[in-house]
Every structure is written in C-alpha cells, then in structure tokens.
C-alpha cells in the first residue's frame, strides 16, 4: 500500500458558539473564538489516499483529478466563506476544526472509493500550530495505537 497526499488551502471565518449557553459561558470555553464579529483562518488541508499502484499509469490516483475533486467539493464551498453561515455541509454543526474535518470527509468519501484506492485520512490545519487528523468511519476508525 502507498499513501498519496494532496495539499490544498482555503481562507474562511467562523465562530465557536454554543447557543444553549449564555455569552459568559461561551466566552469562558471558547475565548477569542467566540468573538461576536467572527474570526478567520488560513486553513491548510492534506488529503491522503491509500492504495496500490496502477501498472498502466504508475499512479495510485491521478493527482490532477484528485485536485479537481478537492476544489469542487471542498475548496469552492469553503474558500472566503463564513463556515457557520455559508457552507451547506456545515449547517447544524458546531464550526470547530474537528467537525469541519469530519464534514470534509463526508464530501470526499464516496468519490474516493475505488477497487484500487480509497480515502485514508485528512489533516486540517487551522493554524501552523493547531491541526486535526481524521481517519473517518469508512476506514474502520482510528489507526492502531503505536
């Protein structure tokens, strides 16, 4: 098995806010991320596909095609958007990076299933110092412990 990764970028705003809590509790838990005027990030997304090499092409997956799938299904709806308000696949979800990674997985999973390869993981960087990695339920959950 070989892992192939494609990196993409998007800029988006969001606010972390639980409507069941009052402003004080939201600010206590989410700090600056609960700012009523929102805040933004320069997100970096790494999409990893696992599979076997096609003997005819030498590829696991055509990276030009993978780029287009990521752009159409993820970057186009997210780039320069308000994640809480503008992104259909985030409606009804807390706009945390963890939930965003799971929603992005849902946008890619079905298309990235093939007898020779499949979606393996996503890594979503909210900042250069903060990221989440998601393996998704379709891959059998979390990887084995080291």
N, C-alpha and C. Protein backbone atom coordinates (compact mmCIF):
# COMPACT_ATOMS: atom_id res chain seq x y z
N UNK A 1 0.85 -1.18 0.00
CA UNK A 1 0.00 0.00 0.00
C UNK A 1 0.89 1.23 0.00
N UNK A 2 0.49 2.22 -0.78
CA UNK A 2 1.18 3.51 -0.84
C UNK A 2 0.18 4.59 -0.46
N UNK A 3 0.67 5.59 0.28
CA UNK A 3 -0.15 6.74 0.64
C UNK A 3 0.26 7.92 -0.24
N UNK A 4 -0.73 8.55 -0.86
CA UNK A 4 -0.52 9.72 -1.71
C UNK A 4 -1.30 10.88 -1.09
N UNK A 5 -0.64 12.03 -0.94
CA UNK A 5 -1.28 13.17 -0.28
C UNK A 5 -1.29 14.39 -1.18
N UNK A 6 -2.42 15.05 -1.19
CA UNK A 6 -2.61 16.32 -1.93
C UNK A 6 -2.91 17.40 -0.90
N UNK A 7 -2.23 18.54 -1.01
CA UNK A 7 -2.43 19.67 -0.10
C UNK A 7 -3.26 20.74 -0.79
N UNK A 8 -4.16 21.36 -0.04
CA UNK A 8 -5.00 22.45 -0.55
C UNK A 8 -5.11 23.53 0.54
N UNK A 9 -5.50 24.72 0.12
CA UNK A 9 -5.64 25.85 1.04
C UNK A 9 -7.00 26.50 0.85
N UNK A 10 -7.53 27.05 1.93
CA UNK A 10 -8.70 27.92 1.85
C UNK A 10 -8.68 28.87 3.04
N UNK A 11 -9.33 29.99 2.85
CA UNK A 11 -9.47 31.00 3.91
C UNK A 11 -10.94 31.08 4.26
N UNK A 12 -11.23 31.06 5.56
CA UNK A 12 -12.63 31.10 5.97
C UNK A 12 -12.74 31.67 7.38
N UNK A 13 -13.92 32.18 7.67
CA UNK A 13 -14.23 32.71 9.00
C UNK A 13 -15.19 31.76 9.71
N UNK A 14 -15.15 31.82 11.02
CA UNK A 14 -16.11 31.04 11.81
C UNK A 14 -16.18 31.62 13.22
N UNK A 15 -17.12 31.11 13.96
CA UNK A 15 -17.25 31.46 15.36
C UNK A 15 -17.62 30.19 16.10
N UNK A 16 -16.98 29.98 17.24
CA UNK A 16 -17.35 28.86 18.10
C UNK A 16 -18.33 29.40 19.13
N UNK A 17 -19.52 28.81 19.11
CA UNK A 17 -20.60 29.33 19.95
C UNK A 17 -21.62 28.23 20.16
N UNK A 18 -21.95 27.98 21.41
CA UNK A 18 -23.00 27.02 21.73
C UNK A 18 -24.25 27.82 22.09
N UNK A 19 -25.29 27.76 21.28
CA UNK A 19 -26.49 28.57 21.53
C UNK A 19 -27.23 28.19 22.80
N UNK A 20 -26.92 27.05 23.37
CA UNK A 20 -27.55 26.65 24.63
C UNK A 20 -26.89 27.30 25.85
N UNK A 21 -25.76 27.96 25.64
CA UNK A 21 -25.04 28.62 26.72
C UNK A 21 -25.22 30.12 26.63
N UNK A 22 -25.02 30.82 27.74
CA UNK A 22 -25.04 32.28 27.71
C UNK A 22 -23.68 32.79 27.22
N UNK A 23 -23.60 34.09 27.00
CA UNK A 23 -22.38 34.68 26.46
C UNK A 23 -21.19 34.43 27.37
N UNK A 24 -21.39 34.54 28.68
CA UNK A 24 -20.27 34.33 29.61
C UNK A 24 -19.69 32.92 29.50
N UNK A 25 -20.55 31.92 29.41
CA UNK A 25 -20.08 30.54 29.31
C UNK A 25 -19.37 30.31 27.97
N UNK A 26 -19.94 30.84 26.87
CA UNK A 26 -19.28 30.71 25.57
C UNK A 26 -17.90 31.35 25.59
N UNK A 27 -17.80 32.53 26.17
CA UNK A 27 -16.50 33.21 26.23
C UNK A 27 -15.52 32.47 27.13
N UNK A 28 -16.03 31.87 28.22
CA UNK A 28 -15.18 31.10 29.12
C UNK A 28 -14.60 29.88 28.40
N UNK A 29 -15.43 29.18 27.64
CA UNK A 29 -14.99 27.95 26.97
C UNK A 29 -14.21 28.24 25.69
N UNK A 30 -14.72 29.16 24.86
CA UNK A 30 -14.16 29.37 23.53
C UNK A 30 -13.23 30.57 23.42
N UNK A 31 -13.19 31.44 24.44
CA UNK A 31 -12.30 32.59 24.41
C UNK A 31 -12.52 33.47 23.20
N UNK A 32 -11.42 33.87 22.56
CA UNK A 32 -11.49 34.75 21.38
C UNK A 32 -12.25 34.11 20.22
N UNK A 33 -12.34 32.81 20.22
CA UNK A 33 -13.04 32.12 19.13
C UNK A 33 -14.55 32.33 19.19
N UNK A 34 -15.05 32.89 20.31
CA UNK A 34 -16.48 33.21 20.44
C UNK A 34 -16.76 34.67 20.10
N UNK A 35 -15.82 35.34 19.51
CA UNK A 35 -15.97 36.76 19.15
C UNK A 35 -17.23 36.97 18.32
N UNK A 36 -18.08 37.90 18.73
CA UNK A 36 -19.34 38.15 18.03
C UNK A 36 -19.13 38.62 16.60
N UNK A 37 -17.94 39.11 16.28
CA UNK A 37 -17.62 39.58 14.92
C UNK A 37 -16.89 38.52 14.10
N UNK A 38 -16.85 37.28 14.62
CA UNK A 38 -16.22 36.16 13.93
C UNK A 38 -14.70 36.31 13.94
N UNK A 39 -14.02 35.36 13.40
CA UNK A 39 -12.58 35.41 13.20
C UNK A 39 -12.24 34.44 12.07
N UNK A 40 -11.07 34.62 11.47
CA UNK A 40 -10.75 33.81 10.30
C UNK A 40 -9.43 33.09 10.42
N UNK A 41 -9.25 32.13 9.53
CA UNK A 41 -8.03 31.33 9.47
C UNK A 41 -7.63 31.10 8.02
N UNK A 42 -6.36 30.87 7.82
CA UNK A 42 -5.82 30.39 6.55
C UNK A 42 -5.64 28.88 6.73
N UNK A 43 -6.66 28.12 6.37
CA UNK A 43 -6.64 26.67 6.58
C UNK A 43 -5.76 25.99 5.54
N UNK A 44 -5.15 24.88 5.97
CA UNK A 44 -4.40 24.02 5.07
C UNK A 44 -4.97 22.61 5.23
N UNK A 45 -5.32 22.00 4.13
CA UNK A 45 -5.93 20.67 4.13
C UNK A 45 -5.02 19.69 3.41
N UNK A 46 -4.74 18.56 4.05
CA UNK A 46 -3.97 17.48 3.45
C UNK A 46 -4.90 16.28 3.30
N UNK A 47 -5.13 15.85 2.07
CA UNK A 47 -6.00 14.71 1.78
C UNK A 47 -5.11 13.55 1.36
N UNK A 48 -5.21 12.45 2.11
CA UNK A 48 -4.37 11.28 1.83
C UNK A 48 -5.23 10.12 1.33
N UNK A 49 -4.79 9.55 0.22
CA UNK A 49 -5.44 8.41 -0.41
C UNK A 49 -4.47 7.23 -0.29
N UNK A 50 -5.00 6.06 0.08
CA UNK A 50 -4.19 4.85 0.19
C UNK A 50 -4.58 3.89 -0.91
N UNK A 51 -3.59 3.21 -1.45
CA UNK A 51 -3.93 2.24 -2.47
C UNK A 51 -2.73 1.56 -3.09
N UNK A 52 -3.02 0.91 -4.20
CA UNK A 52 -2.00 0.20 -4.95
C UNK A 52 -1.72 0.94 -6.25
N UNK A 53 -0.54 0.81 -6.74
CA UNK A 53 -0.12 1.48 -7.97
C UNK A 53 -0.76 0.81 -9.18
N UNK A 54 -1.35 1.64 -10.04
CA UNK A 54 -1.90 1.15 -11.31
C UNK A 54 -0.72 0.86 -12.24
N UNK A 55 -0.59 -0.37 -12.72
CA UNK A 55 0.56 -0.70 -13.57
C UNK A 55 0.57 0.06 -14.89
N UNK A 56 -0.58 0.54 -15.35
CA UNK A 56 -0.64 1.26 -16.62
C UNK A 56 -0.18 2.71 -16.49
N UNK A 57 -0.42 3.33 -15.33
CA UNK A 57 -0.08 4.75 -15.16
C UNK A 57 1.09 4.98 -14.20
N UNK A 58 1.33 4.04 -13.31
CA UNK A 58 2.32 4.24 -12.26
C UNK A 58 1.78 5.06 -11.10
N UNK A 59 0.48 5.40 -11.14
CA UNK A 59 -0.15 6.22 -10.10
C UNK A 59 -1.01 5.35 -9.18
N UNK A 60 -1.15 5.81 -7.95
CA UNK A 60 -2.22 5.30 -7.09
C UNK A 60 -3.51 5.98 -7.51
N UNK A 61 -3.44 7.29 -7.67
CA UNK A 61 -4.58 8.10 -8.10
C UNK A 61 -4.03 9.26 -8.94
N UNK A 62 -4.75 9.66 -9.94
CA UNK A 62 -4.35 10.80 -10.76
C UNK A 62 -4.47 12.07 -9.92
N UNK A 63 -3.35 12.72 -9.63
CA UNK A 63 -3.35 13.89 -8.76
C UNK A 63 -4.08 15.09 -9.37
N UNK A 64 -4.12 15.20 -10.68
CA UNK A 64 -4.91 16.28 -11.32
C UNK A 64 -6.39 16.07 -11.03
N UNK A 65 -6.85 14.83 -11.13
CA UNK A 65 -8.25 14.51 -10.83
C UNK A 65 -8.54 14.73 -9.36
N UNK A 66 -7.63 14.29 -8.47
CA UNK A 66 -7.82 14.49 -7.04
C UNK A 66 -7.89 15.97 -6.70
N UNK A 67 -7.03 16.78 -7.31
CA UNK A 67 -7.07 18.23 -7.10
C UNK A 67 -8.44 18.79 -7.46
N UNK A 68 -8.98 18.37 -8.60
CA UNK A 68 -10.28 18.88 -9.04
C UNK A 68 -11.40 18.46 -8.09
N UNK A 69 -11.37 17.23 -7.61
CA UNK A 69 -12.39 16.75 -6.66
C UNK A 69 -12.33 17.59 -5.39
N UNK A 70 -11.14 17.82 -4.86
CA UNK A 70 -10.99 18.62 -3.65
C UNK A 70 -11.46 20.05 -3.88
N UNK A 71 -11.08 20.63 -5.01
CA UNK A 71 -11.50 22.01 -5.31
C UNK A 71 -13.02 22.11 -5.43
N UNK A 72 -13.63 21.19 -6.18
CA UNK A 72 -15.08 21.26 -6.42
C UNK A 72 -15.90 21.00 -5.17
N UNK A 73 -15.52 20.01 -4.40
CA UNK A 73 -16.35 19.57 -3.28
C UNK A 73 -16.02 20.22 -1.94
N UNK A 74 -14.80 20.77 -1.83
CA UNK A 74 -14.38 21.31 -0.54
C UNK A 74 -13.97 22.78 -0.63
N UNK A 75 -13.02 23.08 -1.48
CA UNK A 75 -12.47 24.44 -1.51
C UNK A 75 -13.50 25.44 -2.01
N UNK A 76 -14.20 25.13 -3.08
CA UNK A 76 -15.20 26.06 -3.63
C UNK A 76 -16.24 26.47 -2.58
N UNK A 77 -16.86 25.54 -1.84
CA UNK A 77 -17.84 25.98 -0.85
C UNK A 77 -17.22 26.68 0.37
N UNK A 78 -15.96 26.39 0.69
CA UNK A 78 -15.37 26.93 1.92
C UNK A 78 -14.57 28.21 1.74
N UNK A 79 -13.88 28.36 0.62
CA UNK A 79 -12.94 29.47 0.48
C UNK A 79 -13.65 30.82 0.54
N UNK A 80 -13.14 31.70 1.39
CA UNK A 80 -13.68 33.04 1.61
C UNK A 80 -15.14 33.01 2.02
N UNK A 81 -15.46 32.06 2.89
CA UNK A 81 -16.84 31.93 3.37
C UNK A 81 -16.88 32.10 4.88
N UNK A 82 -18.10 32.18 5.38
CA UNK A 82 -18.35 32.09 6.81
C UNK A 82 -18.82 30.65 7.02
N UNK A 83 -18.02 29.85 7.68
CA UNK A 83 -18.32 28.43 7.83
C UNK A 83 -19.66 28.22 8.52
N UNK A 84 -19.97 29.05 9.51
CA UNK A 84 -21.22 28.90 10.26
C UNK A 84 -22.44 29.19 9.39
N UNK A 85 -22.32 30.15 8.49
CA UNK A 85 -23.49 30.64 7.76
C UNK A 85 -23.57 30.24 6.30
N UNK A 86 -22.44 30.09 5.63
CA UNK A 86 -22.42 29.98 4.17
C UNK A 86 -22.22 28.59 3.61
N UNK A 87 -21.79 27.64 4.41
CA UNK A 87 -21.36 26.34 3.90
C UNK A 87 -22.45 25.30 4.14
N UNK A 88 -23.12 24.86 3.08
CA UNK A 88 -24.25 23.93 3.26
C UNK A 88 -23.90 22.69 4.07
N UNK A 89 -22.72 22.10 3.85
CA UNK A 89 -22.41 20.86 4.56
C UNK A 89 -22.01 21.08 6.02
N UNK A 90 -21.98 22.34 6.47
CA UNK A 90 -21.71 22.62 7.89
C UNK A 90 -22.95 23.09 8.64
N UNK A 91 -24.07 23.17 7.96
CA UNK A 91 -25.30 23.63 8.62
C UNK A 91 -25.66 22.69 9.76
N UNK A 92 -25.97 23.28 10.93
CA UNK A 92 -26.36 22.49 12.08
C UNK A 92 -25.21 21.89 12.86
N UNK A 93 -23.97 22.18 12.48
CA UNK A 93 -22.80 21.65 13.17
C UNK A 93 -22.02 22.80 13.82
N UNK A 94 -21.46 22.55 14.99
CA UNK A 94 -20.51 23.49 15.58
C UNK A 94 -19.34 23.61 14.62
N UNK A 95 -18.88 24.81 14.36
CA UNK A 95 -17.84 25.04 13.35
C UNK A 95 -16.43 24.86 13.90
N UNK A 96 -16.23 23.82 14.70
CA UNK A 96 -14.88 23.50 15.19
C UNK A 96 -14.07 22.86 14.06
N UNK A 97 -12.77 22.87 14.22
CA UNK A 97 -11.91 22.24 13.22
C UNK A 97 -12.18 20.74 13.16
N UNK A 98 -12.46 20.12 14.31
CA UNK A 98 -12.77 18.69 14.33
C UNK A 98 -14.02 18.39 13.51
N UNK A 99 -15.09 19.16 13.73
CA UNK A 99 -16.32 18.94 12.97
C UNK A 99 -16.14 19.26 11.49
N UNK A 100 -15.34 20.28 11.21
CA UNK A 100 -15.09 20.63 9.81
C UNK A 100 -14.35 19.48 9.11
N UNK A 101 -13.37 18.89 9.76
CA UNK A 101 -12.65 17.76 9.16
C UNK A 101 -13.60 16.60 8.86
N UNK A 102 -14.50 16.30 9.79
CA UNK A 102 -15.45 15.21 9.55
C UNK A 102 -16.40 15.55 8.41
N UNK A 103 -16.82 16.81 8.30
CA UNK A 103 -17.72 17.22 7.22
C UNK A 103 -17.00 17.16 5.87
N UNK A 104 -15.73 17.55 5.84
CA UNK A 104 -14.95 17.46 4.60
C UNK A 104 -14.82 15.99 4.19
N UNK A 105 -14.57 15.12 5.15
CA UNK A 105 -14.50 13.68 4.86
C UNK A 105 -15.77 13.23 4.14
N UNK A 106 -16.91 13.66 4.68
CA UNK A 106 -18.19 13.27 4.10
C UNK A 106 -18.33 13.75 2.65
N UNK A 107 -17.71 14.88 2.32
CA UNK A 107 -17.78 15.42 0.96
C UNK A 107 -16.91 14.61 -0.01
N UNK A 108 -15.89 13.95 0.50
CA UNK A 108 -14.92 13.26 -0.36
C UNK A 108 -15.07 11.74 -0.38
N UNK A 109 -15.60 11.18 0.69
CA UNK A 109 -15.57 9.73 0.90
C UNK A 109 -16.08 8.93 -0.29
N UNK A 110 -17.28 9.19 -0.73
CA UNK A 110 -17.89 8.35 -1.77
C UNK A 110 -17.10 8.39 -3.08
N UNK A 111 -16.63 9.57 -3.47
CA UNK A 111 -15.90 9.72 -4.72
C UNK A 111 -14.53 9.05 -4.66
N UNK A 112 -13.95 9.00 -3.47
CA UNK A 112 -12.61 8.45 -3.35
C UNK A 112 -12.62 6.99 -2.91
N UNK A 113 -13.60 6.24 -3.41
CA UNK A 113 -13.68 4.80 -3.21
C UNK A 113 -13.50 4.13 -4.57
N UNK A 114 -12.56 3.24 -4.64
CA UNK A 114 -12.23 2.58 -5.89
C UNK A 114 -11.65 1.21 -5.52
N UNK A 115 -11.76 0.23 -6.38
CA UNK A 115 -11.17 -1.07 -6.04
C UNK A 115 -9.67 -1.01 -5.74
N UNK A 116 -8.98 -0.01 -6.30
CA UNK A 116 -7.53 0.09 -6.12
C UNK A 116 -7.11 1.11 -5.06
N UNK A 117 -7.98 2.05 -4.67
CA UNK A 117 -7.61 3.07 -3.69
C UNK A 117 -8.84 3.56 -2.94
N UNK A 118 -8.58 4.24 -1.82
CA UNK A 118 -9.66 4.89 -1.08
C UNK A 118 -9.10 5.98 -0.18
N UNK A 119 -9.99 6.88 0.20
CA UNK A 119 -9.63 7.94 1.12
C UNK A 119 -9.08 7.31 2.41
N UNK A 120 -7.93 7.78 2.85
CA UNK A 120 -7.27 7.22 4.03
C UNK A 120 -7.38 8.15 5.24
N UNK A 121 -7.04 9.44 5.04
CA UNK A 121 -7.08 10.38 6.15
C UNK A 121 -7.13 11.80 5.64
N UNK A 122 -7.54 12.69 6.54
CA UNK A 122 -7.49 14.14 6.30
C UNK A 122 -6.71 14.75 7.44
N UNK A 123 -5.88 15.72 7.14
CA UNK A 123 -5.28 16.54 8.19
C UNK A 123 -5.64 17.97 7.85
N UNK A 124 -6.27 18.65 8.80
CA UNK A 124 -6.73 20.01 8.61
C UNK A 124 -6.02 20.90 9.61
N UNK A 125 -5.21 21.84 9.09
CA UNK A 125 -4.51 22.80 9.91
C UNK A 125 -5.34 24.08 9.99
N UNK A 126 -5.71 24.46 11.21
CA UNK A 126 -6.40 25.72 11.43
C UNK A 126 -5.37 26.85 11.54
N UNK A 127 -4.24 26.55 12.16
CA UNK A 127 -3.10 27.45 12.26
C UNK A 127 -1.85 26.59 12.03
N UNK A 128 -0.69 27.21 11.88
CA UNK A 128 0.52 26.38 11.75
C UNK A 128 0.78 25.49 12.97
N UNK A 129 0.20 25.85 14.12
CA UNK A 129 0.43 25.10 15.34
C UNK A 129 -0.71 24.16 15.74
N UNK A 130 -1.89 24.30 15.12
CA UNK A 130 -3.06 23.50 15.51
C UNK A 130 -3.63 22.77 14.31
N UNK A 131 -3.75 21.46 14.45
CA UNK A 131 -4.36 20.68 13.37
C UNK A 131 -5.11 19.50 13.96
N UNK A 132 -5.99 18.93 13.15
CA UNK A 132 -6.66 17.68 13.49
C UNK A 132 -6.42 16.69 12.36
N UNK A 133 -6.37 15.43 12.71
CA UNK A 133 -6.25 14.37 11.72
C UNK A 133 -7.46 13.46 11.89
N UNK A 134 -8.09 13.12 10.78
CA UNK A 134 -9.30 12.30 10.82
C UNK A 134 -9.16 11.13 9.87
N UNK A 135 -9.46 9.94 10.39
CA UNK A 135 -9.41 8.72 9.59
C UNK A 135 -10.77 8.26 9.12
N UNK A 136 -11.84 8.80 9.68
CA UNK A 136 -13.17 8.52 9.21
C UNK A 136 -13.71 7.15 9.52
N UNK A 137 -15.03 7.05 9.64
CA UNK A 137 -15.66 5.76 9.97
C UNK A 137 -15.56 4.75 8.84
N UNK A 138 -15.48 5.21 7.62
CA UNK A 138 -15.42 4.30 6.48
C UNK A 138 -14.12 3.55 6.38
N UNK A 139 -13.11 4.00 7.09
CA UNK A 139 -11.81 3.32 7.05
C UNK A 139 -11.63 2.42 8.24
N UNK A 140 -12.63 2.33 9.10
CA UNK A 140 -12.53 1.44 10.24
C UNK A 140 -12.11 2.15 11.51
N UNK A 141 -12.25 3.48 11.54
CA UNK A 141 -11.96 4.20 12.77
C UNK A 141 -10.51 4.57 12.90
N UNK A 142 -10.07 4.73 14.14
CA UNK A 142 -8.73 5.19 14.43
C UNK A 142 -7.68 4.14 14.07
N UNK A 143 -6.48 4.61 13.72
CA UNK A 143 -5.41 3.66 13.43
C UNK A 143 -4.98 2.96 14.71
N UNK A 144 -4.27 1.85 14.60
CA UNK A 144 -3.83 1.15 15.80
C UNK A 144 -2.88 2.03 16.61
N UNK A 145 -2.91 1.85 17.92
CA UNK A 145 -2.01 2.60 18.81
C UNK A 145 -0.57 2.20 18.52
N UNK A 146 0.36 3.16 18.63
CA UNK A 146 1.79 2.84 18.36
C UNK A 146 2.34 1.88 19.39
